[in-house]
PDB file of N, CA and C in Angstrom:
ATOM      1  N   UNK A   1      58.537-191.941 -17.988  1.00  0.00           N
ATOM      2  CA  UNK A   1      60.176-191.077 -17.245  1.00  0.00           C
ATOM      3  C   UNK A   1      60.693-192.467 -16.359  1.00  0.00           C
ATOM      4  N   UNK A   2      60.457-193.607 -17.753  1.00  0.00           N
ATOM      5  CA  UNK A   2      61.386-194.696 -17.168  1.00  0.00           C
ATOM      6  C   UNK A   2      62.912-193.928 -17.742  1.00  0.00           C
ATOM      7  N   UNK A   3      63.078-193.512 -18.869  1.00  0.00           N
ATOM      8  CA  UNK A   3      64.368-193.174 -19.317  1.00  0.00           C
ATOM      9  C   UNK A   3      65.083-192.006 -17.875  1.00  0.00           C
ATOM     10  N   UNK A   4      64.243-191.371 -17.523  1.00  0.00           N
ATOM     11  CA  UNK A   4      64.854-191.010 -15.462  1.00  0.00           C
ATOM     12  C   UNK A   4      64.776-191.817 -15.056  1.00  0.00           C
ATOM     13  N   UNK A   5      64.675-192.990 -14.284  1.00  0.00           N
ATOM     14  CA  UNK A   5      64.967-193.941 -13.220  1.00  0.00           C
ATOM     15  C   UNK A   5      63.374-193.560 -12.321  1.00  0.00           C
ATOM     16  N   UNK A   6      62.666-193.010 -13.917  1.00  0.00           N
ATOM     17  CA  UNK A   6      61.783-192.628 -12.788  1.00  0.00           C
ATOM     18  C   UNK A   6      60.437-193.860 -12.546  1.00  0.00           C
ATOM     19  N   UNK A   7      59.402-193.016 -11.155  1.00  0.00           N
ATOM     20  CA  UNK A   7      58.211-194.473 -12.366  1.00  0.00           C
ATOM     21  C   UNK A   7      57.231-193.399 -12.783  1.00  0.00           C
ATOM     22  N   UNK A   8      55.646-194.186 -12.351  1.00  0.00           N
ATOM     23  CA  UNK A   8      54.686-192.567 -13.019  1.00  0.00           C
ATOM     24  C   UNK A   8      54.361-191.791 -12.438  1.00  0.00           C
ATOM     25  N   UNK A   9      54.231-192.730 -10.874  1.00  0.00           N
ATOM     26  CA  UNK A   9      54.109-191.057  -9.423  1.00  0.00           C
ATOM     27  C   UNK A   9      55.953-190.157  -9.611  1.00  0.00           C
ATOM     28  N   UNK A  10      56.850-190.295  -9.863  1.00  0.00           N
ATOM     29  CA  UNK A  10      57.773-189.385  -9.379  1.00  0.00           C
ATOM     30  C   UNK A  10      58.849-190.678  -8.991  1.00  0.00           C
ATOM     31  N   UNK A  11      58.714-191.099  -8.210  1.00  0.00           N
ATOM     32  CA  UNK A  11      59.631-192.613  -7.488  1.00  0.00           C
ATOM     33  C   UNK A  11      59.989-192.907  -8.233  1.00  0.00           C
ATOM     34  N   UNK A  12      61.919-192.562  -7.113  1.00  0.00           N
ATOM     35  CA  UNK A  12      63.437-193.660  -8.222  1.00  0.00           C
ATOM     36  C   UNK A  12      62.758-195.459  -8.120  1.00  0.00           C
ATOM     37  N   UNK A  13      63.213-195.460  -9.494  1.00  0.00           N
ATOM     38  CA  UNK A  13      62.821-197.023  -9.499  1.00  0.00           C
ATOM     39  C   UNK A  13      64.253-197.613  -8.468  1.00  0.00           C
ATOM     40  N   UNK A  14      63.651-198.424  -8.412  1.00  0.00           N
ATOM     41  CA  UNK A  14      64.789-199.922  -8.126  1.00  0.00           C
ATOM     42  C   UNK A  14      66.735-199.897  -8.538  1.00  0.00           C
ATOM     43  N   UNK A  15      67.758-199.589  -8.134  1.00  0.00           N
ATOM     44  CA  UNK A  15      68.945-199.619  -9.258  1.00  0.00           C
ATOM     45  C   UNK A  15      68.578-200.479 -10.274  1.00  0.00           C
ATOM     46  N   UNK A  16      68.493-201.696 -10.710  1.00  0.00           N
ATOM     47  CA  UNK A  16      68.193-203.105 -10.739  1.00  0.00           C
ATOM     48  C   UNK A  16      67.313-202.319 -12.024  1.00  0.00           C
ATOM     49  N   UNK A  17      66.409-201.573 -12.094  1.00  0.00           N
ATOM     50  CA  UNK A  17      65.704-201.473 -12.905  1.00  0.00           C
ATOM     51  C   UNK A  17      66.048-200.115 -13.300  1.00  0.00           C
ATOM     52  N   UNK A  18      66.721-199.490 -13.400  1.00  0.00           N
ATOM     53  CA  UNK A  18      66.699-197.635 -13.763  1.00  0.00           C
ATOM     54  C   UNK A  18      67.386-198.479 -15.244  1.00  0.00           C
ATOM     55  N   UNK A  19      67.914-197.559 -16.324  1.00  0.00           N
ATOM     56  CA  UNK A  19      68.387-197.717 -17.553  1.00  0.00           C
ATOM     57  C   UNK A  19      69.732-197.697 -17.211  1.00  0.00           C
ATOM     58  N   UNK A  20      70.728-197.710 -18.722  1.00  0.00           N
ATOM     59  CA  UNK A  20      72.185-198.012 -18.648  1.00  0.00           C
ATOM     60  C   UNK A  20      71.966-196.064 -18.908  1.00  0.00           C
ATOM     61  N   UNK A  21      72.712-195.827 -18.188  1.00  0.00           N
ATOM     62  CA  UNK A  21      74.089-194.759 -18.310  1.00  0.00           C
ATOM     63  C   UNK A  21      74.239-194.108 -20.108  1.00  0.00           C
ATOM     64  N   UNK A  22      75.464-195.458 -20.928  1.00  0.00           N
ATOM     65  CA  UNK A  22      74.891-195.195 -22.823  1.00  0.00           C
ATOM     66  C   UNK A  22      76.416-193.780 -22.516  1.00  0.00           C
ATOM     67  N   UNK A  23      76.750-193.138 -22.129  1.00  0.00           N
ATOM     68  CA  UNK A  23      77.849-191.878 -22.716  1.00  0.00           C
ATOM     69  C   UNK A  23      78.980-192.685 -23.019  1.00  0.00           C
ATOM     70  N   UNK A  24      80.058-192.053 -23.530  1.00  0.00           N
ATOM     71  CA  UNK A  24      81.074-192.853 -24.878  1.00  0.00           C
ATOM     72  C   UNK A  24      82.144-192.561 -23.438  1.00  0.00           C
ATOM     73  N   UNK A  25      82.917-193.423 -23.532  1.00  0.00           N
ATOM     74  CA  UNK A  25      83.962-193.998 -22.807  1.00  0.00           C
ATOM     75  C   UNK A  25      85.059-193.527 -23.568  1.00  0.00           C
ATOM     76  N   UNK A  26      85.782-194.214 -22.737  1.00  0.00           N
ATOM     77  CA  UNK A  26      87.375-193.287 -23.854  1.00  0.00           C
ATOM     78  C   UNK A  26      87.741-194.595 -24.780  1.00  0.00           C
ATOM     79  N   UNK A  27      87.431-195.240 -24.077  1.00  0.00           N
ATOM     80  CA  UNK A  27      87.966-196.570 -24.761  1.00  0.00           C
ATOM     81  C   UNK A  27      86.800-196.541 -26.103  1.00  0.00           C
ATOM     82  N   UNK A  28      84.972-196.136 -26.096  1.00  0.00           N
ATOM     83  CA  UNK A  28      84.706-196.035 -26.964  1.00  0.00           C
ATOM     84  C   UNK A  28      83.792-196.319 -27.010  1.00  0.00           C
ATOM     85  N   UNK A  29      83.058-197.237 -26.080  1.00  0.00           N
ATOM     86  CA  UNK A  29      82.230-197.898 -25.617  1.00  0.00           C
ATOM     87  C   UNK A  29      81.073-197.275 -24.763  1.00  0.00           C
ATOM     88  N   UNK A  30      79.989-198.333 -24.474  1.00  0.00           N
ATOM     89  CA  UNK A  30      79.477-197.481 -23.568  1.00  0.00           C
ATOM     90  C   UNK A  30      79.263-197.677 -22.506  1.00  0.00           C
ATOM     91  N   UNK A  31      79.018-196.528 -21.515  1.00  0.00           N
ATOM     92  CA  UNK A  31      78.614-196.635 -20.350  1.00  0.00           C
ATOM     93  C   UNK A  31      77.030-197.414 -19.243  1.00  0.00           C
ATOM     94  N   UNK A  32      77.837-199.236 -18.161  1.00  0.00           N
ATOM     95  CA  UNK A  32      77.242-199.299 -18.295  1.00  0.00           C
ATOM     96  C   UNK A  32      76.718-198.773 -16.907  1.00  0.00           C
ATOM     97  N   UNK A  33      76.654-198.274 -15.965  1.00  0.00           N
ATOM     98  CA  UNK A  33      76.658-197.625 -14.679  1.00  0.00           C
ATOM     99  C   UNK A  33      74.873-196.892 -14.748  1.00  0.00           C
ATOM    100  N   UNK A  34      73.947-197.146 -14.368  1.00  0.00           N
ATOM    101  CA  UNK A  34      72.442-196.722 -13.908  1.00  0.00           C
ATOM    102  C   UNK A  34      72.366-195.665 -13.826  1.00  0.00           C
ATOM    103  N   UNK A  35      71.396-194.597 -14.218  1.00  0.00           N
ATOM    104  CA  UNK A  35      70.963-193.396 -13.778  1.00  0.00           C
ATOM    105  C   UNK A  35      70.791-193.049 -13.211  1.00  0.00           C
ATOM    106  N   UNK A  36      70.895-191.876 -12.020  1.00  0.00           N
ATOM    107  CA  UNK A  36      70.590-191.079 -11.299  1.00  0.00           C
ATOM    108  C   UNK A  36      69.200-190.907 -11.275  1.00  0.00           C
ATOM    109  N   UNK A  37      68.538-191.372 -10.773  1.00  0.00           N
ATOM    110  CA  UNK A  37      67.102-190.526 -10.333  1.00  0.00           C
ATOM    111  C   UNK A  37      66.909-189.506 -10.910  1.00  0.00           C
ATOM    112  N   UNK A  38      65.912-188.981 -11.632  1.00  0.00           N
ATOM    113  CA  UNK A  38      65.343-187.418 -12.188  1.00  0.00           C
ATOM    114  C   UNK A  38      66.317-187.321 -13.468  1.00  0.00           C
ATOM    115  N   UNK A  39      67.392-187.481 -13.857  1.00  0.00           N
ATOM    116  CA  UNK A  39      69.093-187.268 -15.049  1.00  0.00           C
ATOM    117  C   UNK A  39      68.810-188.982 -15.746  1.00  0.00           C
ATOM    118  N   UNK A  40      69.020-187.685 -17.112  1.00  0.00           N
ATOM    119  CA  UNK A  40      69.638-189.385 -17.757  1.00  0.00           C
ATOM    120  C   UNK A  40      71.301-189.889 -18.514  1.00  0.00           C
ATOM    121  N   UNK A  41      72.780-189.625 -17.300  1.00  0.00           N
ATOM    122  CA  UNK A  41      73.424-190.119 -17.066  1.00  0.00           C
ATOM    123  C   UNK A  41      73.414-189.952 -15.345  1.00  0.00           C
ATOM    124  N   UNK A  42      74.989-191.481 -15.239  1.00  0.00           N
ATOM    125  CA  UNK A  42      74.933-191.716 -14.186  1.00  0.00           C
ATOM    126  C   UNK A  42      75.692-190.415 -13.117  1.00  0.00           C
ATOM    127  N   UNK A  43      75.969-191.373 -11.702  1.00  0.00           N
ATOM    128  CA  UNK A  43      76.637-190.050 -11.752  1.00  0.00           C
ATOM    129  C   UNK A  43      77.850-189.682 -12.065  1.00  0.00           C
ATOM    130  N   UNK A  44      78.915-190.515 -12.832  1.00  0.00           N
ATOM    131  CA  UNK A  44      80.098-190.030 -12.946  1.00  0.00           C
ATOM    132  C   UNK A  44      80.587-189.022 -13.972  1.00  0.00           C
ATOM    133  N   UNK A  45      79.146-188.863 -15.402  1.00  0.00           N
ATOM    134  CA  UNK A  45      78.957-188.144 -16.336  1.00  0.00           C
ATOM    135  C   UNK A  45      77.646-187.380 -15.634  1.00  0.00           C
ATOM    136  N   UNK A  46      77.687-187.116 -15.070  1.00  0.00           N
ATOM    137  CA  UNK A  46      76.560-185.717 -14.822  1.00  0.00           C
ATOM    138  C   UNK A  46      75.746-185.906 -14.040  1.00  0.00           C
ATOM    139  N   UNK A  47      75.877-187.075 -12.777  1.00  0.00           N
ATOM    140  CA  UNK A  47      74.511-187.055 -12.748  1.00  0.00           C
ATOM    141  C   UNK A  47      74.588-186.188 -11.254  1.00  0.00           C
ATOM    142  N   UNK A  48      75.981-186.571 -10.393  1.00  0.00           N
ATOM    143  CA  UNK A  48      75.737-186.031  -8.957  1.00  0.00           C
ATOM    144  C   UNK A  48      76.915-184.983  -9.302  1.00  0.00           C
ATOM    145  N   UNK A  49      76.643-183.955  -8.415  1.00  0.00           N
ATOM    146  CA  UNK A  49      77.412-182.182  -8.107  1.00  0.00           C
ATOM    147  C   UNK A  49      78.567-182.958  -6.878  1.00  0.00           C
ATOM    148  N   UNK A  50      80.059-182.445  -7.587  1.00  0.00           N
ATOM    149  CA  UNK A  50      80.588-182.717  -6.235  1.00  0.00           C
ATOM    150  C   UNK A  50      80.901-181.559  -5.098  1.00  0.00           C
ATOM    151  N   UNK A  51      79.873-180.892  -4.999  1.00  0.00           N
ATOM    152  CA  UNK A  51      79.793-180.155  -3.755  1.00  0.00           C
ATOM    153  C   UNK A  51      80.593-179.081  -3.850  1.00  0.00           C
ATOM    154  N   UNK A  52      80.487-178.072  -3.200  1.00  0.00           N
ATOM    155  CA  UNK A  52      81.445-177.082  -2.764  1.00  0.00           C
ATOM    156  C   UNK A  52      82.404-176.509  -2.629  1.00  0.00           C
ATOM    157  N   UNK A  53      83.270-175.948  -3.056  1.00  0.00           N
ATOM    158  CA  UNK A  53      84.876-176.266  -3.543  1.00  0.00           C
ATOM    159  C   UNK A  53      85.108-175.388  -2.631  1.00  0.00           C
ATOM    160  N   UNK A  54      85.825-175.874  -1.662  1.00  0.00           N
ATOM    161  CA  UNK A  54      86.524-175.134  -0.201  1.00  0.00           C
ATOM    162  C   UNK A  54      88.248-174.083  -0.705  1.00  0.00           C
ATOM    163  N   UNK A  55      88.020-173.096  -0.369  1.00  0.00           N
ATOM    164  CA  UNK A  55      89.443-172.130  -0.298  1.00  0.00           C
ATOM    165  C   UNK A  55      90.610-173.323   0.567  1.00  0.00           C
ATOM    166  N   UNK A  56      91.249-173.371   0.110  1.00  0.00           N
ATOM    167  CA  UNK A  56      92.599-173.637   0.414  1.00  0.00           C
ATOM    168  C   UNK A  56      93.452-172.869   1.345  1.00  0.00           C
ATOM    169  N   UNK A  57      93.722-173.133   2.249  1.00  0.00           N
ATOM    170  CA  UNK A  57      95.274-171.829   2.722  1.00  0.00           C
ATOM    171  C   UNK A  57      96.416-172.165   2.607  1.00  0.00           C
TER     172      UNK A  57
END
């Protein structure tokens, strides 16, 4: 569960102890941001939702 940023009890690890995202960047390198707890990627590469889209008037 450590690859998901969680400890053995399912609680989130401290940010400094979470693994790196590792997604491929535009420059060809790897993303060094930390994963979102419970996911395998950071918030920029599939971690958090942007929320509902409101209707524009």
